[in-house]
Amino acid sequence: MLNLHMGRLVLRPMCAADASWIARDIANPSVHRWLTSVPFPYRIEDAEQFIESFAVKEGFRVIVEDDEPLGMISIESARSFDANRSALPELGYWLAERAWGRGVMSDAARAMVDWFFDGQGDKIGSGWIQGNTRSPKVLTKLGFLPTGETLMRHAHFHGKEMPVIRVTLTKDHWQRAKPA
């Protein structure tokens, strides 16, 4: 699996050595509260199992700046649904709090979307837990459009179902409105 390079960032495959920083950074309540699929509390064993399960998948990448891992980004096949209930690949991500507000996620997501539309598929779904103010900015900047749907997904941090605002992006829209 090749690294994806874009300016200051590298998106690389995961490795076993990533477990400690993944466990530490996801366990931060400011990060964890906006994630639906990760266990709570998040332990080193959870990070090790995640790496073992997903490191070989090309759509899962570590976001690195100046040799420092800052978060994860993925496009996972057929995880969400569009309004017609058709299975869609899902763009998912999280970023360590120390990297917030610097455009890191926008740049990383732009690279993953480019990679995906360059041969993987023609439509992506994504979303955010209602109340998250950062993810809508990233996804809107990339050209994702609201579906009008709000799905309920279990968020382990909250211990209950949480409303997730849904958005999609098509390859045609990406090519016409692609951010510079």
N, C-alpha and C. Protein backbone atom coordinates (compact mmCIF):
# COMPACT_ATOMS: atom_id res chain seq x y z
N MET A 1 0.83 -1.17 0.00
CA MET A 1 0.00 0.00 0.00
C MET A 1 0.88 1.24 0.00
N LEU A 2 0.64 2.14 -0.92
CA LEU A 2 1.43 3.35 -1.03
C LEU A 2 0.91 4.44 -0.10
N ASN A 3 1.84 5.30 0.34
CA ASN A 3 1.45 6.50 1.07
C ASN A 3 0.83 7.49 0.11
N LEU A 4 -0.13 8.27 0.59
CA LEU A 4 -0.66 9.38 -0.18
C LEU A 4 -0.01 10.65 0.36
N HIS A 5 0.61 11.42 -0.52
CA HIS A 5 1.30 12.65 -0.12
C HIS A 5 0.51 13.85 -0.63
N MET A 6 0.37 14.87 0.21
CA MET A 6 -0.22 16.13 -0.23
C MET A 6 0.32 17.24 0.65
N GLY A 7 1.19 18.04 0.05
CA GLY A 7 1.76 19.15 0.79
C GLY A 7 2.41 18.72 2.08
N ARG A 8 1.91 19.25 3.15
CA ARG A 8 2.49 19.01 4.48
C ARG A 8 2.11 17.67 5.10
N LEU A 9 1.13 16.98 4.53
CA LEU A 9 0.62 15.76 5.13
C LEU A 9 0.97 14.52 4.33
N VAL A 10 1.05 13.40 5.05
CA VAL A 10 1.17 12.08 4.45
C VAL A 10 0.04 11.23 5.05
N LEU A 11 -0.63 10.48 4.19
CA LEU A 11 -1.61 9.50 4.65
C LEU A 11 -1.00 8.14 4.42
N ARG A 12 -0.70 7.43 5.51
CA ARG A 12 0.00 6.16 5.41
C ARG A 12 -0.81 5.05 6.05
N PRO A 13 -0.48 3.81 5.69
CA PRO A 13 -1.14 2.68 6.34
C PRO A 13 -0.82 2.63 7.83
N MET A 14 -1.70 1.99 8.59
CA MET A 14 -1.47 1.78 10.03
C MET A 14 -0.44 0.69 10.24
N CYS A 15 0.18 0.73 11.43
CA CYS A 15 1.08 -0.35 11.85
C CYS A 15 0.88 -0.58 13.35
N ALA A 16 1.42 -1.68 13.84
CA ALA A 16 1.23 -2.04 15.24
C ALA A 16 1.70 -0.95 16.20
N ALA A 17 2.74 -0.21 15.83
CA ALA A 17 3.28 0.85 16.69
C ALA A 17 2.31 2.01 16.88
N ASP A 18 1.25 2.07 16.08
CA ASP A 18 0.27 3.16 16.20
C ASP A 18 -0.69 2.99 17.37
N ALA A 19 -0.74 1.82 17.96
CA ALA A 19 -1.75 1.54 18.99
C ALA A 19 -1.71 2.53 20.16
N SER A 20 -0.55 2.88 20.65
CA SER A 20 -0.49 3.73 21.86
C SER A 20 -1.03 5.13 21.61
N TRP A 21 -0.64 5.76 20.50
CA TRP A 21 -1.15 7.11 20.27
C TRP A 21 -2.63 7.09 19.89
N ILE A 22 -3.08 6.07 19.15
CA ILE A 22 -4.50 5.97 18.82
C ILE A 22 -5.32 5.86 20.11
N ALA A 23 -4.93 4.96 21.01
CA ALA A 23 -5.66 4.78 22.27
C ALA A 23 -5.66 6.07 23.08
N ARG A 24 -4.54 6.74 23.16
CA ARG A 24 -4.44 7.99 23.93
C ARG A 24 -5.33 9.08 23.34
N ASP A 25 -5.25 9.27 22.02
CA ASP A 25 -5.95 10.40 21.41
C ASP A 25 -7.46 10.17 21.29
N ILE A 26 -7.89 8.95 21.04
CA ILE A 26 -9.34 8.69 21.01
C ILE A 26 -9.92 8.79 22.41
N ALA A 27 -9.18 8.40 23.43
CA ALA A 27 -9.69 8.44 24.80
C ALA A 27 -9.96 9.86 25.30
N ASN A 28 -9.43 10.86 24.61
CA ASN A 28 -9.71 12.26 24.97
C ASN A 28 -11.21 12.50 24.78
N PRO A 29 -11.94 12.86 25.83
CA PRO A 29 -13.39 13.07 25.70
C PRO A 29 -13.78 14.07 24.62
N SER A 30 -12.95 15.06 24.35
CA SER A 30 -13.27 16.04 23.31
C SER A 30 -13.29 15.41 21.92
N VAL A 31 -12.53 14.33 21.73
CA VAL A 31 -12.50 13.59 20.47
C VAL A 31 -13.57 12.50 20.49
N HIS A 32 -13.55 11.69 21.55
CA HIS A 32 -14.39 10.49 21.64
C HIS A 32 -15.88 10.81 21.55
N ARG A 33 -16.31 11.93 22.06
CA ARG A 33 -17.74 12.26 22.11
C ARG A 33 -18.37 12.37 20.72
N TRP A 34 -17.56 12.57 19.67
CA TRP A 34 -18.08 12.74 18.32
C TRP A 34 -17.95 11.48 17.46
N LEU A 35 -17.57 10.36 18.07
CA LEU A 35 -17.38 9.11 17.34
C LEU A 35 -18.49 8.12 17.69
N THR A 36 -18.99 7.41 16.69
CA THR A 36 -20.08 6.48 16.96
C THR A 36 -19.62 5.04 17.16
N SER A 37 -18.57 4.61 16.48
CA SER A 37 -18.29 3.18 16.45
C SER A 37 -17.22 2.70 17.41
N VAL A 38 -16.55 3.59 18.11
CA VAL A 38 -15.46 3.14 18.99
C VAL A 38 -15.96 2.87 20.40
N PRO A 39 -15.42 1.82 21.04
CA PRO A 39 -15.86 1.46 22.39
C PRO A 39 -15.55 2.56 23.41
N PHE A 40 -16.27 2.53 24.52
CA PHE A 40 -16.02 3.44 25.64
C PHE A 40 -16.03 2.62 26.91
N PRO A 41 -15.03 2.75 27.75
CA PRO A 41 -13.80 3.52 27.54
C PRO A 41 -12.94 2.88 26.45
N TYR A 42 -12.10 3.68 25.82
CA TYR A 42 -11.22 3.19 24.75
C TYR A 42 -9.87 2.83 25.36
N ARG A 43 -9.45 1.57 25.15
CA ARG A 43 -8.22 1.06 25.76
C ARG A 43 -7.21 0.70 24.69
N ILE A 44 -6.00 0.43 25.10
CA ILE A 44 -4.93 0.02 24.18
C ILE A 44 -5.34 -1.25 23.42
N GLU A 45 -6.05 -2.15 24.11
CA GLU A 45 -6.49 -3.39 23.46
C GLU A 45 -7.45 -3.09 22.31
N ASP A 46 -8.27 -2.06 22.46
CA ASP A 46 -9.19 -1.67 21.39
C ASP A 46 -8.41 -1.17 20.18
N ALA A 47 -7.38 -0.37 20.43
CA ALA A 47 -6.54 0.14 19.34
C ALA A 47 -5.82 -1.01 18.64
N GLU A 48 -5.29 -1.94 19.41
CA GLU A 48 -4.59 -3.09 18.82
C GLU A 48 -5.53 -3.92 17.95
N GLN A 49 -6.75 -4.15 18.43
CA GLN A 49 -7.72 -4.91 17.65
C GLN A 49 -8.12 -4.16 16.39
N PHE A 50 -8.31 -2.84 16.49
CA PHE A 50 -8.64 -2.02 15.33
C PHE A 50 -7.55 -2.14 14.26
N ILE A 51 -6.30 -2.01 14.68
CA ILE A 51 -5.18 -2.10 13.74
C ILE A 51 -5.12 -3.49 13.10
N GLU A 52 -5.28 -4.52 13.91
CA GLU A 52 -5.25 -5.89 13.38
C GLU A 52 -6.35 -6.10 12.34
N SER A 53 -7.52 -5.52 12.56
CA SER A 53 -8.65 -5.71 11.64
C SER A 53 -8.56 -4.86 10.38
N PHE A 54 -8.00 -3.65 10.48
CA PHE A 54 -8.14 -2.71 9.38
C PHE A 54 -6.84 -2.24 8.73
N ALA A 55 -5.69 -2.59 9.28
CA ALA A 55 -4.41 -2.12 8.72
C ALA A 55 -4.19 -2.56 7.29
N VAL A 56 -4.74 -3.69 6.92
CA VAL A 56 -4.53 -4.21 5.56
C VAL A 56 -5.49 -3.60 4.53
N LYS A 57 -6.46 -2.84 5.00
CA LYS A 57 -7.44 -2.24 4.09
C LYS A 57 -6.92 -0.91 3.56
N GLU A 58 -6.88 -0.78 2.25
CA GLU A 58 -6.30 0.39 1.59
C GLU A 58 -7.02 1.70 1.95
N GLY A 59 -8.30 1.62 2.28
CA GLY A 59 -9.08 2.82 2.58
C GLY A 59 -8.92 3.35 3.98
N PHE A 60 -8.03 2.76 4.80
CA PHE A 60 -7.80 3.23 6.17
C PHE A 60 -6.40 3.81 6.25
N ARG A 61 -6.28 5.06 6.67
CA ARG A 61 -4.98 5.74 6.69
C ARG A 61 -4.77 6.55 7.96
N VAL A 62 -3.50 6.64 8.35
CA VAL A 62 -3.05 7.50 9.44
C VAL A 62 -2.69 8.85 8.83
N ILE A 63 -3.13 9.92 9.46
CA ILE A 63 -2.80 11.28 9.02
C ILE A 63 -1.53 11.69 9.75
N VAL A 64 -0.47 12.02 9.00
CA VAL A 64 0.83 12.34 9.58
C VAL A 64 1.29 13.71 9.09
N GLU A 65 1.78 14.52 10.02
CA GLU A 65 2.40 15.79 9.68
C GLU A 65 3.74 15.87 10.40
N ASP A 66 4.81 16.13 9.66
CA ASP A 66 6.16 16.20 10.25
C ASP A 66 6.47 14.98 11.10
N ASP A 67 6.17 13.80 10.58
CA ASP A 67 6.40 12.51 11.26
C ASP A 67 5.56 12.30 12.52
N GLU A 68 4.60 13.18 12.79
CA GLU A 68 3.72 13.02 13.95
C GLU A 68 2.34 12.55 13.51
N PRO A 69 1.89 11.38 13.99
CA PRO A 69 0.54 10.94 13.66
C PRO A 69 -0.49 11.80 14.39
N LEU A 70 -1.50 12.26 13.64
CA LEU A 70 -2.48 13.19 14.20
C LEU A 70 -3.90 12.66 14.23
N GLY A 71 -4.16 11.57 13.52
CA GLY A 71 -5.52 11.05 13.48
C GLY A 71 -5.65 9.98 12.41
N MET A 72 -6.90 9.64 12.14
CA MET A 72 -7.21 8.59 11.17
C MET A 72 -8.25 9.10 10.20
N ILE A 73 -8.21 8.55 8.98
CA ILE A 73 -9.23 8.83 7.98
C ILE A 73 -9.46 7.55 7.20
N SER A 74 -10.71 7.35 6.79
CA SER A 74 -11.02 6.13 6.04
C SER A 74 -12.17 6.37 5.09
N ILE A 75 -12.17 5.57 4.05
CA ILE A 75 -13.36 5.42 3.22
C ILE A 75 -13.62 3.93 3.20
N GLU A 76 -14.64 3.55 3.93
CA GLU A 76 -14.98 2.14 4.12
C GLU A 76 -16.14 1.79 3.21
N SER A 77 -16.03 0.69 2.51
CA SER A 77 -17.04 0.33 1.53
C SER A 77 -18.37 -0.04 2.18
N ALA A 78 -19.44 0.44 1.53
CA ALA A 78 -20.82 0.06 1.84
C ALA A 78 -21.17 0.10 3.32
N ARG A 79 -20.86 1.19 4.01
CA ARG A 79 -21.18 1.30 5.41
C ARG A 79 -22.45 2.10 5.66
N SER A 80 -22.80 3.00 4.74
CA SER A 80 -23.98 3.83 4.94
C SER A 80 -24.94 3.66 3.77
N PHE A 81 -26.04 4.37 3.81
CA PHE A 81 -27.06 4.26 2.77
C PHE A 81 -27.47 5.65 2.30
N ASP A 82 -27.83 5.75 1.02
CA ASP A 82 -28.37 7.01 0.52
C ASP A 82 -29.90 6.98 0.67
N ALA A 83 -30.56 8.01 0.19
CA ALA A 83 -32.02 8.13 0.35
C ALA A 83 -32.76 6.97 -0.31
N ASN A 84 -32.16 6.34 -1.31
CA ASN A 84 -32.78 5.19 -1.97
C ASN A 84 -32.43 3.87 -1.30
N ARG A 85 -31.77 3.95 -0.15
CA ARG A 85 -31.33 2.78 0.62
C ARG A 85 -30.28 1.97 -0.13
N SER A 86 -29.54 2.63 -1.03
CA SER A 86 -28.43 1.97 -1.71
C SER A 86 -27.19 2.09 -0.84
N ALA A 87 -26.42 1.03 -0.76
CA ALA A 87 -25.21 1.02 0.06
C ALA A 87 -24.19 2.00 -0.51
N LEU A 88 -23.57 2.78 0.36
CA LEU A 88 -22.56 3.76 -0.02
C LEU A 88 -21.29 3.57 0.79
N PRO A 89 -20.13 3.80 0.17
CA PRO A 89 -18.91 3.89 0.96
C PRO A 89 -19.03 5.08 1.92
N GLU A 90 -18.38 4.99 3.05
CA GLU A 90 -18.51 6.00 4.10
C GLU A 90 -17.16 6.65 4.38
N LEU A 91 -17.11 7.98 4.30
CA LEU A 91 -15.93 8.73 4.73
C LEU A 91 -16.05 8.94 6.23
N GLY A 92 -15.04 8.47 6.96
CA GLY A 92 -15.00 8.65 8.40
C GLY A 92 -13.64 9.16 8.82
N TYR A 93 -13.57 9.85 9.94
CA TYR A 93 -12.30 10.41 10.38
C TYR A 93 -12.38 10.86 11.82
N TRP A 94 -11.23 11.03 12.40
CA TRP A 94 -11.09 11.72 13.68
C TRP A 94 -9.69 12.32 13.73
N LEU A 95 -9.55 13.36 14.52
CA LEU A 95 -8.29 14.10 14.60
C LEU A 95 -7.98 14.41 16.05
N ALA A 96 -6.72 14.23 16.44
CA ALA A 96 -6.28 14.59 17.79
C ALA A 96 -6.55 16.07 18.04
N GLU A 97 -6.96 16.38 19.25
CA GLU A 97 -7.32 17.76 19.58
C GLU A 97 -6.19 18.75 19.31
N ARG A 98 -4.94 18.32 19.47
CA ARG A 98 -3.81 19.22 19.27
C ARG A 98 -3.68 19.69 17.81
N ALA A 99 -4.38 19.03 16.89
CA ALA A 99 -4.30 19.38 15.47
C ALA A 99 -5.54 20.15 14.97
N TRP A 100 -6.49 20.40 15.85
CA TRP A 100 -7.72 21.08 15.45
C TRP A 100 -7.44 22.52 15.03
N GLY A 101 -8.23 22.99 14.08
CA GLY A 101 -8.21 24.39 13.69
C GLY A 101 -7.08 24.79 12.75
N ARG A 102 -6.39 23.81 12.16
CA ARG A 102 -5.26 24.12 11.27
C ARG A 102 -5.48 23.63 9.84
N GLY A 103 -6.68 23.16 9.54
CA GLY A 103 -6.97 22.68 8.19
C GLY A 103 -6.46 21.29 7.89
N VAL A 104 -5.96 20.59 8.89
CA VAL A 104 -5.40 19.25 8.69
C VAL A 104 -6.45 18.30 8.13
N MET A 105 -7.64 18.27 8.75
CA MET A 105 -8.65 17.31 8.30
C MET A 105 -9.17 17.67 6.92
N SER A 106 -9.34 18.94 6.62
CA SER A 106 -9.79 19.32 5.28
C SER A 106 -8.80 18.84 4.22
N ASP A 107 -7.51 19.02 4.48
CA ASP A 107 -6.49 18.58 3.52
C ASP A 107 -6.46 17.06 3.39
N ALA A 108 -6.53 16.36 4.52
CA ALA A 108 -6.50 14.89 4.49
C ALA A 108 -7.75 14.34 3.78
N ALA A 109 -8.90 14.91 4.08
CA ALA A 109 -10.14 14.44 3.46
C ALA A 109 -10.13 14.72 1.96
N ARG A 110 -9.60 15.85 1.55
CA ARG A 110 -9.50 16.17 0.13
C ARG A 110 -8.67 15.10 -0.59
N ALA A 111 -7.57 14.69 0.02
CA ALA A 111 -6.70 13.66 -0.59
C ALA A 111 -7.41 12.31 -0.67
N MET A 112 -8.14 11.95 0.38
CA MET A 112 -8.85 10.66 0.36
C MET A 112 -9.98 10.67 -0.66
N VAL A 113 -10.70 11.77 -0.76
CA VAL A 113 -11.79 11.86 -1.73
C VAL A 113 -11.22 11.78 -3.15
N ASP A 114 -10.10 12.48 -3.39
CA ASP A 114 -9.42 12.39 -4.70
C ASP A 114 -9.06 10.94 -5.00
N TRP A 115 -8.44 10.27 -4.04
CA TRP A 115 -8.03 8.87 -4.21
C TRP A 115 -9.26 8.01 -4.53
N PHE A 116 -10.33 8.20 -3.79
CA PHE A 116 -11.53 7.39 -3.98
C PHE A 116 -12.13 7.61 -5.37
N PHE A 117 -12.30 8.85 -5.76
CA PHE A 117 -12.93 9.15 -7.05
C PHE A 117 -12.00 8.88 -8.23
N ASP A 118 -10.75 8.61 -7.95
CA ASP A 118 -9.80 8.28 -9.02
C ASP A 118 -9.81 6.79 -9.34
N GLY A 119 -10.87 6.10 -8.98
CA GLY A 119 -10.93 4.70 -9.37
C GLY A 119 -11.72 3.80 -8.46
N GLN A 120 -12.13 4.27 -7.30
CA GLN A 120 -12.80 3.39 -6.35
C GLN A 120 -14.32 3.43 -6.49
N GLY A 121 -14.91 4.58 -6.82
CA GLY A 121 -16.36 4.67 -6.86
C GLY A 121 -16.83 6.04 -7.31
N ASP A 122 -18.16 6.24 -7.26
CA ASP A 122 -18.70 7.51 -7.76
C ASP A 122 -19.61 8.24 -6.78
N LYS A 123 -19.76 7.72 -5.54
CA LYS A 123 -20.57 8.42 -4.54
C LYS A 123 -20.10 8.00 -3.15
N ILE A 124 -20.04 8.96 -2.24
CA ILE A 124 -19.59 8.72 -0.86
C ILE A 124 -20.63 9.30 0.09
N GLY A 125 -20.87 8.61 1.18
CA GLY A 125 -21.69 9.13 2.26
C GLY A 125 -20.82 9.53 3.43
N SER A 126 -21.34 10.38 4.28
CA SER A 126 -20.67 10.74 5.52
C SER A 126 -21.70 11.37 6.44
N GLY A 127 -21.26 11.86 7.57
CA GLY A 127 -22.17 12.50 8.51
C GLY A 127 -21.48 12.86 9.80
N TRP A 128 -22.25 13.43 10.70
CA TRP A 128 -21.71 13.84 11.99
C TRP A 128 -22.81 13.76 13.04
N ILE A 129 -22.38 13.53 14.28
CA ILE A 129 -23.32 13.53 15.39
C ILE A 129 -23.83 14.96 15.57
N GLN A 130 -25.15 15.07 15.70
CA GLN A 130 -25.76 16.38 15.88
C GLN A 130 -25.10 17.10 17.05
N GLY A 131 -24.72 18.35 16.84
CA GLY A 131 -24.04 19.14 17.86
C GLY A 131 -22.56 19.33 17.55
N ASN A 132 -22.00 18.46 16.72
CA ASN A 132 -20.61 18.60 16.29
C ASN A 132 -20.55 19.81 15.35
N THR A 133 -19.71 20.77 15.64
CA THR A 133 -19.62 21.97 14.80
C THR A 133 -18.45 21.92 13.83
N ARG A 134 -17.51 21.02 14.02
CA ARG A 134 -16.31 20.97 13.17
C ARG A 134 -16.52 20.13 11.90
N SER A 135 -17.10 18.96 12.04
CA SER A 135 -17.28 18.08 10.87
C SER A 135 -18.15 18.70 9.78
N PRO A 136 -19.24 19.40 10.11
CA PRO A 136 -20.01 20.00 9.02
C PRO A 136 -19.19 21.00 8.21
N LYS A 137 -18.28 21.70 8.85
CA LYS A 137 -17.42 22.66 8.13
C LYS A 137 -16.51 21.93 7.16
N VAL A 138 -15.90 20.84 7.60
CA VAL A 138 -15.00 20.06 6.73
C VAL A 138 -15.78 19.51 5.54
N LEU A 139 -16.89 18.86 5.82
CA LEU A 139 -17.64 18.19 4.75
C LEU A 139 -18.27 19.19 3.78
N THR A 140 -18.75 20.31 4.27
CA THR A 140 -19.30 21.35 3.39
C THR A 140 -18.21 21.93 2.50
N LYS A 141 -17.04 22.16 3.07
CA LYS A 141 -15.91 22.68 2.29
C LYS A 141 -15.55 21.74 1.14
N LEU A 142 -15.73 20.43 1.36
CA LEU A 142 -15.42 19.44 0.33
C LEU A 142 -16.53 19.30 -0.71
N GLY A 143 -17.69 19.88 -0.45
CA GLY A 143 -18.79 19.81 -1.40
C GLY A 143 -19.87 18.80 -1.07
N PHE A 144 -19.80 18.16 0.09
CA PHE A 144 -20.86 17.23 0.50
C PHE A 144 -22.16 18.00 0.63
N LEU A 145 -23.25 17.35 0.23
CA LEU A 145 -24.57 17.98 0.27
C LEU A 145 -25.48 17.22 1.23
N PRO A 146 -26.36 17.94 1.93
CA PRO A 146 -27.28 17.29 2.87
C PRO A 146 -28.22 16.32 2.14
N THR A 147 -28.52 15.22 2.80
CA THR A 147 -29.49 14.26 2.25
C THR A 147 -30.89 14.53 2.79
N GLY A 148 -30.96 15.33 3.85
CA GLY A 148 -32.24 15.55 4.51
C GLY A 148 -32.55 14.49 5.54
N GLU A 149 -31.64 13.54 5.69
CA GLU A 149 -31.85 12.44 6.63
C GLU A 149 -31.04 12.65 7.91
N THR A 150 -31.62 12.22 8.99
CA THR A 150 -30.91 12.11 10.26
C THR A 150 -31.12 10.67 10.72
N LEU A 151 -30.01 9.95 10.85
CA LEU A 151 -30.08 8.55 11.30
C LEU A 151 -29.69 8.46 12.76
N MET A 152 -30.19 7.46 13.42
CA MET A 152 -29.80 7.21 14.80
C MET A 152 -28.71 6.13 14.80
N ARG A 153 -27.58 6.45 15.44
CA ARG A 153 -26.49 5.47 15.57
C ARG A 153 -26.06 5.44 17.03
N HIS A 154 -25.73 4.23 17.47
CA HIS A 154 -25.26 4.10 18.85
C HIS A 154 -23.88 4.73 18.99
N ALA A 155 -23.73 5.60 19.96
CA ALA A 155 -22.44 6.21 20.29
C ALA A 155 -22.04 5.70 21.67
N HIS A 156 -21.02 4.88 21.72
CA HIS A 156 -20.60 4.23 22.97
C HIS A 156 -20.24 5.25 24.05
N PHE A 157 -19.60 6.34 23.68
CA PHE A 157 -19.23 7.37 24.65
C PHE A 157 -20.46 7.88 25.40
N HIS A 158 -21.55 8.07 24.67
CA HIS A 158 -22.79 8.59 25.26
C HIS A 158 -23.66 7.48 25.85
N GLY A 159 -23.39 6.24 25.41
CA GLY A 159 -24.16 5.10 25.91
C GLY A 159 -25.58 5.06 25.39
N LYS A 160 -25.82 5.68 24.24
CA LYS A 160 -27.17 5.70 23.69
C LYS A 160 -27.12 6.02 22.20
N GLU A 161 -28.28 5.92 21.56
CA GLU A 161 -28.43 6.31 20.17
C GLU A 161 -28.32 7.83 20.08
N MET A 162 -27.58 8.29 19.06
CA MET A 162 -27.41 9.72 18.84
C MET A 162 -27.81 10.05 17.41
N PRO A 163 -28.40 11.23 17.17
CA PRO A 163 -28.75 11.61 15.81
C PRO A 163 -27.51 11.96 14.99
N VAL A 164 -27.43 11.38 13.79
CA VAL A 164 -26.30 11.61 12.87
C VAL A 164 -26.87 12.27 11.62
N ILE A 165 -26.40 13.46 11.32
CA ILE A 165 -26.81 14.21 10.14
C ILE A 165 -26.08 13.62 8.93
N ARG A 166 -26.81 13.27 7.88
CA ARG A 166 -26.23 12.58 6.72
C ARG A 166 -25.98 13.54 5.56
N VAL A 167 -24.87 13.32 4.86
CA VAL A 167 -24.49 14.06 3.65
C VAL A 167 -23.91 13.09 2.64
N THR A 168 -23.92 13.50 1.35
CA THR A 168 -23.31 12.69 0.30
C THR A 168 -22.53 13.59 -0.65
N LEU A 169 -21.62 12.96 -1.37
CA LEU A 169 -20.84 13.64 -2.40
C LEU A 169 -20.73 12.71 -3.59
N THR A 170 -21.06 13.21 -4.78
CA THR A 170 -20.92 12.42 -6.00
C THR A 170 -19.64 12.83 -6.72
N LYS A 171 -19.15 11.92 -7.53
CA LYS A 171 -17.95 12.19 -8.32
C LYS A 171 -18.17 13.37 -9.25
N ASP A 172 -19.33 13.45 -9.89
CA ASP A 172 -19.63 14.57 -10.79
C ASP A 172 -19.59 15.90 -10.05
N HIS A 173 -20.22 15.96 -8.88
CA HIS A 173 -20.22 17.21 -8.10
C HIS A 173 -18.80 17.56 -7.66
N TRP A 174 -18.03 16.56 -7.24
CA TRP A 174 -16.65 16.77 -6.81
C TRP A 174 -15.82 17.38 -7.95
N GLN A 175 -15.98 16.82 -9.13
CA GLN A 175 -15.19 17.32 -10.27
C GLN A 175 -15.58 18.73 -10.67
N ARG A 176 -16.86 19.07 -10.52
CA ARG A 176 -17.32 20.43 -10.88
C ARG A 176 -16.97 21.45 -9.80
N ALA A 177 -17.07 21.07 -8.54
CA ALA A 177 -16.91 22.01 -7.45
C ALA A 177 -15.67 21.73 -6.59
N LYS A 178 -14.74 20.97 -7.14
CA LYS A 178 -13.56 20.53 -6.38
C LYS A 178 -12.83 21.72 -5.77
N PRO A 179 -12.61 21.65 -4.44
CA PRO A 179 -11.88 22.73 -3.78
C PRO A 179 -10.45 22.83 -4.30
N ALA A 180 -9.95 24.03 -4.37
CA ALA A 180 -8.55 24.24 -4.85
C ALA A 180 -7.56 23.79 -3.80
